[in-house]
Amino acid sequence: MTAKAKIRVAVAGAGMVTRHHLLAWRKLPQVSVVALCARHVENARARAAAFGVPSAYGDVAERG
């Protein structure tokens, strides 16, 4: 992996534990969280907005 390459991560879930995962991922400079997916898309959107994650989905199939 080159110095500029980032690992792109999508997180499944938007509950309480996800908050801790996002805090941990945020500390890794080589990682970029690019999406959240949750059964209730409004929860995914809210958590994504709180952590600056650019995309949120209600179903993993939405991303294609």
C-alpha atoms as a PDB file:
ATOM      1  CA  MET A   1       0.000   0.000   0.000  1.00  0.00           C
ATOM      2  CA  THR A   2       1.333   3.419  -0.872  1.00  0.00           C
ATOM      3  CA  ALA A   3       1.559   6.210   1.664  1.00  0.00           C
ATOM      4  CA  LYS A   4      -1.432   7.959   0.076  1.00  0.00           C
ATOM      5  CA  ALA A   5      -3.721   4.921  -0.205  1.00  0.00           C
ATOM      6  CA  LYS A   6      -6.505   4.651   2.353  1.00  0.00           C
ATOM      7  CA  ILE A   7      -8.511   1.675   3.441  1.00  0.00           C
ATOM      8  CA  ARG A   8     -12.165   2.443   2.768  1.00  0.00           C
ATOM      9  CA  VAL A   9     -14.508   1.037   5.424  1.00  0.00           C
ATOM     10  CA  ALA A  10     -18.276   0.637   5.522  1.00  0.00           C
ATOM     11  CA  VAL A  11     -19.864  -0.033   8.906  1.00  0.00           C
ATOM     12  CA  ALA A  12     -22.989  -2.139   9.383  1.00  0.00           C
ATOM     13  CA  GLY A  13     -25.230  -0.847  12.143  1.00  0.00           C
ATOM     14  CA  ALA A  14     -25.893   2.523  13.705  1.00  0.00           C
ATOM     15  CA  GLY A  15     -26.482   1.641  17.327  1.00  0.00           C
ATOM     16  CA  MET A  16     -24.562   2.446  20.474  1.00  0.00           C
ATOM     17  CA  VAL A  17     -21.625   0.123  19.764  1.00  0.00           C
ATOM     18  CA  THR A  18     -21.169   1.697  16.337  1.00  0.00           C
ATOM     19  CA  ARG A  19     -20.265   4.956  18.057  1.00  0.00           C
ATOM     20  CA  HIS A  20     -17.279   3.258  19.684  1.00  0.00           C
ATOM     21  CA  HIS A  21     -16.232   1.638  16.411  1.00  0.00           C
ATOM     22  CA  LEU A  22     -16.348   4.984  14.624  1.00  0.00           C
ATOM     23  CA  LEU A  23     -14.305   6.648  17.348  1.00  0.00           C
ATOM     24  CA  ALA A  24     -11.672   3.920  16.956  1.00  0.00           C
ATOM     25  CA  TRP A  25     -11.633   4.036  13.126  1.00  0.00           C
ATOM     26  CA  ARG A  26     -11.243   7.815  13.304  1.00  0.00           C
ATOM     27  CA  LYS A  27      -7.903   7.419  15.100  1.00  0.00           C
ATOM     28  CA  LEU A  28      -6.359   5.454  12.225  1.00  0.00           C
ATOM     29  CA  PRO A  29      -4.965   7.813   9.584  1.00  0.00           C
ATOM     30  CA  GLN A  30      -4.864   5.090   6.938  1.00  0.00           C
ATOM     31  CA  VAL A  31      -8.625   4.427   7.260  1.00  0.00           C
ATOM     32  CA  SER A  32     -11.558   6.332   5.797  1.00  0.00           C
ATOM     33  CA  VAL A  33     -15.100   5.375   6.849  1.00  0.00           C
ATOM     34  CA  VAL A  34     -17.132   5.955   3.700  1.00  0.00           C
ATOM     35  CA  ALA A  35     -20.567   4.544   4.554  1.00  0.00           C
ATOM     36  CA  LEU A  36     -22.920   3.363   7.261  1.00  0.00           C
ATOM     37  CA  CYS A  37     -25.730   0.901   6.769  1.00  0.00           C
ATOM     38  CA  ALA A  38     -28.553   0.222   9.225  1.00  0.00           C
ATOM     39  CA  ARG A  39     -31.957  -1.418   9.085  1.00  0.00           C
ATOM     40  CA  HIS A  40     -33.507   1.986   9.784  1.00  0.00           C
ATOM     41  CA  VAL A  41     -31.920   4.373   7.300  1.00  0.00           C
ATOM     42  CA  GLU A  42     -32.770   7.405   9.433  1.00  0.00           C
ATOM     43  CA  ASN A  43     -30.512   6.002  12.185  1.00  0.00           C
ATOM     44  CA  ALA A  44     -27.720   5.463   9.672  1.00  0.00           C
ATOM     45  CA  ARG A  45     -28.112   9.009   8.365  1.00  0.00           C
ATOM     46  CA  ALA A  46     -28.041  10.521  11.847  1.00  0.00           C
ATOM     47  CA  ARG A  47     -24.945   8.577  12.903  1.00  0.00           C
ATOM     48  CA  ALA A  48     -23.231   9.341   9.584  1.00  0.00           C
ATOM     49  CA  ALA A  49     -23.930  13.051   9.995  1.00  0.00           C
ATOM     50  CA  ALA A  50     -22.585  13.018  13.554  1.00  0.00           C
ATOM     51  CA  PHE A  51     -19.298  11.454  12.430  1.00  0.00           C
ATOM     52  CA  GLY A  52     -18.839  13.029   9.016  1.00  0.00           C
ATOM     53  CA  VAL A  53     -19.431   9.804   7.116  1.00  0.00           C
ATOM     54  CA  PRO A  54     -20.447  10.733   3.558  1.00  0.00           C
ATOM     55  CA  SER A  55     -22.997   7.973   2.815  1.00  0.00           C
ATOM     56  CA  ALA A  56     -25.765   6.172   4.690  1.00  0.00           C
ATOM     57  CA  TYR A  57     -27.968   3.293   3.547  1.00  0.00           C
ATOM     58  CA  GLY A  58     -30.863   1.251   4.834  1.00  0.00           C
ATOM     59  CA  ASP A  59     -29.820  -1.889   2.973  1.00  0.00           C
ATOM     60  CA  VAL A  60     -26.403  -3.132   1.854  1.00  0.00           C
ATOM     61  CA  ALA A  61     -27.902  -3.874  -1.571  1.00  0.00           C
ATOM     62  CA  GLU A  62     -28.567  -0.140  -2.135  1.00  0.00           C
ATOM     63  CA  ARG A  63     -24.899   0.541  -2.819  1.00  0.00           C
ATOM     64  CA  GLY A  64     -24.701  -2.043  -5.583  1.00  0.00           C
END
